[in-house]
């Protein structure tokens, strides 16, 4: 096993738990940015035996988008929405962390049941960490009321998918990988605009209140 890779994967687990237990939007954005930096390091570590320009460019693009561009866009949306913390999520922060522990245990169990994949990263933590990160992101999407936290959940889930891709897919063309990053960039950009317009029209970004919208009848 590779110690740098294991350290990065443990960092992904810890940052996911921080997101599950945090209510401060600013802190959550910084944690997601740190996850982006970790994924850039994972990209380089996955090709440490055979360094290449392709791996370096992909790591740079991943770090630039996930660690800098996305957090900057979301920080702007946060300033425009003028909110600082999540209030009354659908699932509390303590239970969210407990659900995270259950999800981690489930990911470890499921990974042990799956057939051993052909990997580029020599770590037994790769598959369970990727599964857990995706589950943590999905849980944030369905358990939080604020649109900004749901966007962060989407990014965390995509980070888990990216972890799978870096560690398991060996010969994916770089154009495909960069295309996926571009798709995520466009999605986050559109979500940031949506958050701004929701805040401007309704003075909040609580998606639960959108359920009360009805067709107007004279």
C-alpha atoms as a PDB file:
ATOM      1  CA  UNK A   1       0.000   0.000   0.000  1.00  0.00           C
ATOM      2  CA  UNK A   2       1.107   3.557  -0.624  1.00  0.00           C
ATOM      3  CA  UNK A   3       1.232   5.757   2.508  1.00  0.00           C
ATOM      4  CA  UNK A   4       0.588   9.039   0.618  1.00  0.00           C
ATOM      5  CA  UNK A   5      -2.458   7.526  -1.087  1.00  0.00           C
ATOM      6  CA  UNK A   6      -3.793   6.161   2.207  1.00  0.00           C
ATOM      7  CA  UNK A   7      -3.320   9.559   3.855  1.00  0.00           C
ATOM      8  CA  UNK A   8      -5.258  11.242   1.056  1.00  0.00           C
ATOM      9  CA  UNK A   9      -8.088   8.709   1.301  1.00  0.00           C
ATOM     10  CA  UNK A  10      -8.295   9.107   5.089  1.00  0.00           C
ATOM     11  CA  UNK A  11      -8.424  12.867   4.510  1.00  0.00           C
ATOM     12  CA  UNK A  12     -11.444  12.385   2.238  1.00  0.00           C
ATOM     13  CA  UNK A  13     -13.194  10.412   4.980  1.00  0.00           C
ATOM     14  CA  UNK A  14     -12.487  13.038   7.646  1.00  0.00           C
ATOM     15  CA  UNK A  15     -13.563  15.962   5.472  1.00  0.00           C
ATOM     16  CA  UNK A  16     -16.817  14.176   4.628  1.00  0.00           C
ATOM     17  CA  UNK A  17     -17.553  13.781   8.338  1.00  0.00           C
ATOM     18  CA  UNK A  18     -16.773  17.470   8.896  1.00  0.00           C
ATOM     19  CA  UNK A  19     -19.347  18.376   6.239  1.00  0.00           C
ATOM     20  CA  UNK A  20     -21.949  16.100   7.827  1.00  0.00           C
ATOM     21  CA  UNK A  21     -21.477  17.773  11.209  1.00  0.00           C
ATOM     22  CA  UNK A  22     -21.040  21.425  10.190  1.00  0.00           C
ATOM     23  CA  UNK A  23     -23.654  24.160   9.848  1.00  0.00           C
ATOM     24  CA  UNK A  24     -21.374  27.001   8.703  1.00  0.00           C
ATOM     25  CA  UNK A  25     -21.537  27.550   4.963  1.00  0.00           C
ATOM     26  CA  UNK A  26     -18.146  29.234   4.765  1.00  0.00           C
ATOM     27  CA  UNK A  27     -16.427  26.373   6.575  1.00  0.00           C
ATOM     28  CA  UNK A  28     -18.178  23.811   4.390  1.00  0.00           C
ATOM     29  CA  UNK A  29     -17.038  25.580   1.214  1.00  0.00           C
ATOM     30  CA  UNK A  30     -13.437  25.560   2.468  1.00  0.00           C
ATOM     31  CA  UNK A  31     -13.675  21.867   3.343  1.00  0.00           C
ATOM     32  CA  UNK A  32     -14.959  21.033  -0.140  1.00  0.00           C
ATOM     33  CA  UNK A  33     -12.100  23.105  -1.582  1.00  0.00           C
ATOM     34  CA  UNK A  34      -9.658  21.067   0.502  1.00  0.00           C
ATOM     35  CA  UNK A  35     -11.221  17.894  -0.890  1.00  0.00           C
ATOM     36  CA  UNK A  36     -10.471  19.226  -4.361  1.00  0.00           C
ATOM     37  CA  UNK A  37      -6.812  19.697  -3.435  1.00  0.00           C
ATOM     38  CA  UNK A  38      -6.718  16.155  -2.025  1.00  0.00           C
ATOM     39  CA  UNK A  39      -8.123  14.776  -5.273  1.00  0.00           C
ATOM     40  CA  UNK A  40      -5.436  16.597  -7.227  1.00  0.00           C
ATOM     41  CA  UNK A  41      -2.849  14.890  -5.023  1.00  0.00           C
ATOM     42  CA  UNK A  42      -4.593  11.550  -5.532  1.00  0.00           C
ATOM     43  CA  UNK A  43      -4.349  12.000  -9.288  1.00  0.00           C
ATOM     44  CA  UNK A  44      -0.583  12.466  -9.042  1.00  0.00           C
ATOM     45  CA  UNK A  45      -0.196   9.611  -6.546  1.00  0.00           C
ATOM     46  CA  UNK A  46      -2.113   7.256  -8.839  1.00  0.00           C
ATOM     47  CA  UNK A  47       0.546   7.774 -11.529  1.00  0.00           C
ATOM     48  CA  UNK A  48       3.560   8.112  -9.235  1.00  0.00           C
ATOM     49  CA  UNK A  49       5.268   5.049 -10.750  1.00  0.00           C
ATOM     50  CA  UNK A  50       4.913   6.409 -14.292  1.00  0.00           C
ATOM     51  CA  UNK A  51       4.699  10.221 -14.161  1.00  0.00           C
ATOM     52  CA  UNK A  52       3.222  11.755 -17.295  1.00  0.00           C
ATOM     53  CA  UNK A  53       2.169  15.108 -18.671  1.00  0.00           C
ATOM     54  CA  UNK A  54      -1.411  13.788 -18.884  1.00  0.00           C
ATOM     55  CA  UNK A  55      -1.549  13.049 -15.141  1.00  0.00           C
ATOM     56  CA  UNK A  56       0.000  16.414 -14.275  1.00  0.00           C
ATOM     57  CA  UNK A  57      -2.467  18.333 -16.447  1.00  0.00           C
ATOM     58  CA  UNK A  58      -5.413  16.398 -15.037  1.00  0.00           C
ATOM     59  CA  UNK A  59      -4.235  17.026 -11.462  1.00  0.00           C
ATOM     60  CA  UNK A  60      -3.805  20.728 -12.227  1.00  0.00           C
ATOM     61  CA  UNK A  61      -7.254  20.970 -13.824  1.00  0.00           C
ATOM     62  CA  UNK A  62      -8.884  19.082 -10.953  1.00  0.00           C
ATOM     63  CA  UNK A  63      -7.199  21.212  -8.291  1.00  0.00           C
ATOM     64  CA  UNK A  64      -7.922  24.439 -10.160  1.00  0.00           C
ATOM     65  CA  UNK A  65     -11.625  23.689 -10.627  1.00  0.00           C
ATOM     66  CA  UNK A  66     -12.442  21.808  -7.412  1.00  0.00           C
ATOM     67  CA  UNK A  67     -10.053  23.645  -5.126  1.00  0.00           C
ATOM     68  CA  UNK A  68     -10.279  27.201  -6.500  1.00  0.00           C
ATOM     69  CA  UNK A  69     -12.972  27.893  -9.124  1.00  0.00           C
ATOM     70  CA  UNK A  70     -15.901  26.047  -7.518  1.00  0.00           C
ATOM     71  CA  UNK A  71     -15.283  27.459  -4.008  1.00  0.00           C
ATOM     72  CA  UNK A  72     -14.943  30.959  -5.471  1.00  0.00           C
ATOM     73  CA  UNK A  73     -18.265  30.648  -7.334  1.00  0.00           C
ATOM     74  CA  UNK A  74     -20.022  29.302  -4.259  1.00  0.00           C
ATOM     75  CA  UNK A  75     -18.488  31.986  -2.013  1.00  0.00           C
ATOM     76  CA  UNK A  76     -19.918  34.630  -4.336  1.00  0.00           C
ATOM     77  CA  UNK A  77     -23.318  32.935  -4.212  1.00  0.00           C
ATOM     78  CA  UNK A  78     -23.039  32.852  -0.413  1.00  0.00           C
ATOM     79  CA  UNK A  79     -22.341  36.603  -0.257  1.00  0.00           C
ATOM     80  CA  UNK A  80     -25.242  37.346  -2.609  1.00  0.00           C
ATOM     81  CA  UNK A  81     -27.614  35.157  -0.587  1.00  0.00           C
ATOM     82  CA  UNK A  82     -26.454  36.828   2.670  1.00  0.00           C
ATOM     83  CA  UNK A  83     -26.678  33.676   4.808  1.00  0.00           C
ATOM     84  CA  UNK A  84     -24.053  32.239   7.103  1.00  0.00           C
ATOM     85  CA  UNK A  85     -25.309  28.909   8.406  1.00  0.00           C
ATOM     86  CA  UNK A  86     -27.805  26.136   7.860  1.00  0.00           C
ATOM     87  CA  UNK A  87     -30.894  26.423  10.076  1.00  0.00           C
ATOM     88  CA  UNK A  88     -32.977  23.382  11.042  1.00  0.00           C
ATOM     89  CA  UNK A  89     -31.818  20.814   8.488  1.00  0.00           C
ATOM     90  CA  UNK A  90     -34.095  17.871   7.788  1.00  0.00           C
ATOM     91  CA  UNK A  91     -31.645  15.651   9.708  1.00  0.00           C
ATOM     92  CA  UNK A  92     -29.692  17.108  12.645  1.00  0.00           C
ATOM     93  CA  UNK A  93     -25.917  17.280  12.708  1.00  0.00           C
ATOM     94  CA  UNK A  94     -25.408  14.631  15.391  1.00  0.00           C
ATOM     95  CA  UNK A  95     -27.649  12.100  13.625  1.00  0.00           C
ATOM     96  CA  UNK A  96     -25.970  13.043  10.335  1.00  0.00           C
ATOM     97  CA  UNK A  97     -22.561  12.047  11.725  1.00  0.00           C
ATOM     98  CA  UNK A  98     -24.050   8.797  13.038  1.00  0.00           C
ATOM     99  CA  UNK A  99     -25.529   8.120   9.602  1.00  0.00           C
ATOM    100  CA  UNK A 100     -22.073   8.811   8.190  1.00  0.00           C
ATOM    101  CA  UNK A 101     -20.601   6.133  10.456  1.00  0.00           C
ATOM    102  CA  UNK A 102     -23.284   3.702   9.276  1.00  0.00           C
ATOM    103  CA  UNK A 103     -22.541   4.648   5.663  1.00  0.00           C
ATOM    104  CA  UNK A 104     -18.801   4.115   6.180  1.00  0.00           C
ATOM    105  CA  UNK A 105     -19.408   0.691   7.712  1.00  0.00           C
ATOM    106  CA  UNK A 106     -21.725  -0.168   4.831  1.00  0.00           C
ATOM    107  CA  UNK A 107     -19.147   0.997   2.284  1.00  0.00           C
ATOM    108  CA  UNK A 108     -16.435  -1.142   3.913  1.00  0.00           C
ATOM    109  CA  UNK A 109     -18.742  -4.171   3.922  1.00  0.00           C
ATOM    110  CA  UNK A 110     -19.842  -3.659   0.319  1.00  0.00           C
ATOM    111  CA  UNK A 111     -16.247  -3.166  -0.858  1.00  0.00           C
ATOM    112  CA  UNK A 112     -15.281  -6.460   0.784  1.00  0.00           C
ATOM    113  CA  UNK A 113     -18.055  -8.206  -1.142  1.00  0.00           C
ATOM    114  CA  UNK A 114     -17.146  -6.801  -4.538  1.00  0.00           C
ATOM    115  CA  UNK A 115     -14.700  -8.669  -6.778  1.00  0.00           C
ATOM    116  CA  UNK A 116     -11.182  -7.176  -6.644  1.00  0.00           C
ATOM    117  CA  UNK A 117     -10.997  -4.535  -9.395  1.00  0.00           C
ATOM    118  CA  UNK A 118      -8.041  -3.751 -11.601  1.00  0.00           C
ATOM    119  CA  UNK A 119      -6.733  -0.586  -9.948  1.00  0.00           C
ATOM    120  CA  UNK A 120      -4.112   2.039 -10.601  1.00  0.00           C
ATOM    121  CA  UNK A 121      -3.997   2.943  -6.895  1.00  0.00           C
ATOM    122  CA  UNK A 122      -2.629   0.218  -4.640  1.00  0.00           C
ATOM    123  CA  UNK A 123      -4.761   0.798  -1.560  1.00  0.00           C
ATOM    124  CA  UNK A 124      -7.500  -1.313  -0.012  1.00  0.00           C
ATOM    125  CA  UNK A 125      -9.213   1.913   1.085  1.00  0.00           C
ATOM    126  CA  UNK A 126      -9.882   3.190  -2.424  1.00  0.00           C
ATOM    127  CA  UNK A 127     -13.223   1.500  -3.149  1.00  0.00           C
ATOM    128  CA  UNK A 128     -14.806   1.986   0.320  1.00  0.00           C
ATOM    129  CA  UNK A 129     -13.683   5.623   0.469  1.00  0.00           C
ATOM    130  CA  UNK A 130     -15.097   6.325  -2.991  1.00  0.00           C
ATOM    131  CA  UNK A 131     -18.395   4.658  -2.042  1.00  0.00           C
ATOM    132  CA  UNK A 132     -18.573   6.488   1.290  1.00  0.00           C
ATOM    133  CA  UNK A 133     -17.836   9.874  -0.300  1.00  0.00           C
ATOM    134  CA  UNK A 134     -20.639   9.354  -2.808  1.00  0.00           C
ATOM    135  CA  UNK A 135     -23.035   8.302  -0.039  1.00  0.00           C
ATOM    136  CA  UNK A 136     -22.066  11.319   2.090  1.00  0.00           C
ATOM    137  CA  UNK A 137     -22.718  13.672  -0.822  1.00  0.00           C
ATOM    138  CA  UNK A 138     -26.076  12.059  -1.585  1.00  0.00           C
ATOM    139  CA  UNK A 139     -27.043  12.295   2.086  1.00  0.00           C
ATOM    140  CA  UNK A 140     -26.215  16.019   2.142  1.00  0.00           C
ATOM    141  CA  UNK A 141     -28.422  16.549  -0.913  1.00  0.00           C
ATOM    142  CA  UNK A 142     -31.489  14.867   0.605  1.00  0.00           C
ATOM    143  CA  UNK A 143     -31.072  15.932   4.245  1.00  0.00           C
ATOM    144  CA  UNK A 144     -30.376  19.679   3.944  1.00  0.00           C
ATOM    145  CA  UNK A 145     -32.874  22.431   3.252  1.00  0.00           C
ATOM    146  CA  UNK A 146     -30.567  25.146   1.950  1.00  0.00           C
ATOM    147  CA  UNK A 147     -29.782  25.129  -1.755  1.00  0.00           C
ATOM    148  CA  UNK A 148     -26.116  25.908  -1.127  1.00  0.00           C
ATOM    149  CA  UNK A 149     -25.609  22.816   1.020  1.00  0.00           C
ATOM    150  CA  UNK A 150     -27.321  20.738  -1.645  1.00  0.00           C
ATOM    151  CA  UNK A 151     -24.851  22.060  -4.222  1.00  0.00           C
ATOM    152  CA  UNK A 152     -21.990  21.145  -1.879  1.00  0.00           C
ATOM    153  CA  UNK A 153     -23.507  17.683  -1.521  1.00  0.00           C
ATOM    154  CA  UNK A 154     -23.518  17.364  -5.298  1.00  0.00           C
ATOM    155  CA  UNK A 155     -19.834  18.294  -5.396  1.00  0.00           C
ATOM    156  CA  UNK A 156     -18.962  15.784  -2.659  1.00  0.00           C
ATOM    157  CA  UNK A 157     -20.827  13.039  -4.518  1.00  0.00           C
ATOM    158  CA  UNK A 158     -18.942  13.937  -7.693  1.00  0.00           C
ATOM    159  CA  UNK A 159     -15.682  13.813  -5.723  1.00  0.00           C
ATOM    160  CA  UNK A 160     -16.486  10.205  -4.845  1.00  0.00           C
ATOM    161  CA  UNK A 161     -17.113   9.405  -8.506  1.00  0.00           C
ATOM    162  CA  UNK A 162     -13.840  11.116  -9.432  1.00  0.00           C
ATOM    163  CA  UNK A 163     -12.027   8.998  -6.822  1.00  0.00           C
ATOM    164  CA  UNK A 164     -13.398   5.884  -8.513  1.00  0.00           C
ATOM    165  CA  UNK A 165     -12.293   7.150 -11.904  1.00  0.00           C
ATOM    166  CA  UNK A 166      -8.761   8.032 -10.870  1.00  0.00           C
ATOM    167  CA  UNK A 167      -8.194   4.790  -9.003  1.00  0.00           C
ATOM    168  CA  UNK A 168      -9.981   2.253 -11.192  1.00  0.00           C
ATOM    169  CA  UNK A 169      -9.950   3.471 -14.788  1.00  0.00           C
ATOM    170  CA  UNK A 170      -6.548   3.058 -16.362  1.00  0.00           C
ATOM    171  CA  UNK A 171      -6.802   4.164 -19.991  1.00  0.00           C
ATOM    172  CA  UNK A 172      -9.529   6.807 -20.121  1.00  0.00           C
ATOM    173  CA  UNK A 173      -8.667   9.471 -22.711  1.00  0.00           C
ATOM    174  CA  UNK A 174      -7.729  12.768 -21.117  1.00  0.00           C
ATOM    175  CA  UNK A 175     -10.287  14.562 -23.288  1.00  0.00           C
ATOM    176  CA  UNK A 176     -13.062  12.542 -21.619  1.00  0.00           C
ATOM    177  CA  UNK A 177     -11.754  13.328 -18.115  1.00  0.00           C
ATOM    178  CA  UNK A 178     -11.472  17.040 -18.845  1.00  0.00           C
ATOM    179  CA  UNK A 179     -14.932  16.957 -20.427  1.00  0.00           C
ATOM    180  CA  UNK A 180     -16.385  15.571 -17.198  1.00  0.00           C
ATOM    181  CA  UNK A 181     -14.697  18.341 -15.206  1.00  0.00           C
ATOM    182  CA  UNK A 182     -16.128  20.907 -17.626  1.00  0.00           C
ATOM    183  CA  UNK A 183     -19.616  19.434 -17.182  1.00  0.00           C
ATOM    184  CA  UNK A 184     -19.290  19.720 -13.408  1.00  0.00           C
ATOM    185  CA  UNK A 185     -18.038  23.295 -13.758  1.00  0.00           C
ATOM    186  CA  UNK A 186     -21.079  24.252 -15.850  1.00  0.00           C
ATOM    187  CA  UNK A 187     -23.409  22.525 -13.376  1.00  0.00           C
ATOM    188  CA  UNK A 188     -21.950  24.396 -10.395  1.00  0.00           C
ATOM    189  CA  UNK A 189     -22.027  27.684 -12.330  1.00  0.00           C
ATOM    190  CA  UNK A 190     -25.716  27.200 -13.134  1.00  0.00           C
ATOM    191  CA  UNK A 191     -26.455  26.196  -9.525  1.00  0.00           C
ATOM    192  CA  UNK A 192     -24.726  29.347  -8.270  1.00  0.00           C
ATOM    193  CA  UNK A 193     -26.901  31.471 -10.545  1.00  0.00           C
ATOM    194  CA  UNK A 194     -29.998  29.597  -9.343  1.00  0.00           C
ATOM    195  CA  UNK A 195     -29.057  30.235  -5.699  1.00  0.00           C
ATOM    196  CA  UNK A 196     -28.638  33.943  -6.437  1.00  0.00           C
ATOM    197  CA  UNK A 197     -32.041  34.212  -8.123  1.00  0.00           C
ATOM    198  CA  UNK A 198     -33.803  32.168  -5.419  1.00  0.00           C
ATOM    199  CA  UNK A 199     -32.316  34.469  -2.768  1.00  0.00           C
ATOM    200  CA  UNK A 200     -33.263  37.616  -4.694  1.00  0.00           C
ATOM    201  CA  UNK A 201     -36.865  36.547  -5.296  1.00  0.00           C
ATOM    202  CA  UNK A 202     -37.660  34.866  -1.971  1.00  0.00           C
ATOM    203  CA  UNK A 203     -35.143  36.392   0.506  1.00  0.00           C
ATOM    204  CA  UNK A 204     -33.905  32.917   1.431  1.00  0.00           C
ATOM    205  CA  UNK A 205     -32.436  29.783  -0.143  1.00  0.00           C
ATOM    206  CA  UNK A 206     -34.569  27.261   1.749  1.00  0.00           C
ATOM    207  CA  UNK A 207     -35.757  24.828  -0.902  1.00  0.00           C
ATOM    208  CA  UNK A 208     -38.424  23.448   1.429  1.00  0.00           C
ATOM    209  CA  UNK A 209     -40.430  26.648   1.046  1.00  0.00           C
ATOM    210  CA  UNK A 210     -40.559  26.197  -2.719  1.00  0.00           C
ATOM    211  CA  UNK A 211     -43.111  23.450  -2.094  1.00  0.00           C
ATOM    212  CA  UNK A 212     -45.671  26.110  -1.234  1.00  0.00           C
ATOM    213  CA  UNK A 213     -45.539  27.580  -4.743  1.00  0.00           C
ATOM    214  CA  UNK A 214     -48.813  27.124  -6.634  1.00  0.00           C
ATOM    215  CA  UNK A 215     -50.303  28.284  -9.876  1.00  0.00           C
ATOM    216  CA  UNK A 216     -51.937  31.671  -9.404  1.00  0.00           C
ATOM    217  CA  UNK A 217     -55.655  31.842 -10.115  1.00  0.00           C
ATOM    218  CA  UNK A 218     -57.568  35.143 -10.178  1.00  0.00           C
END
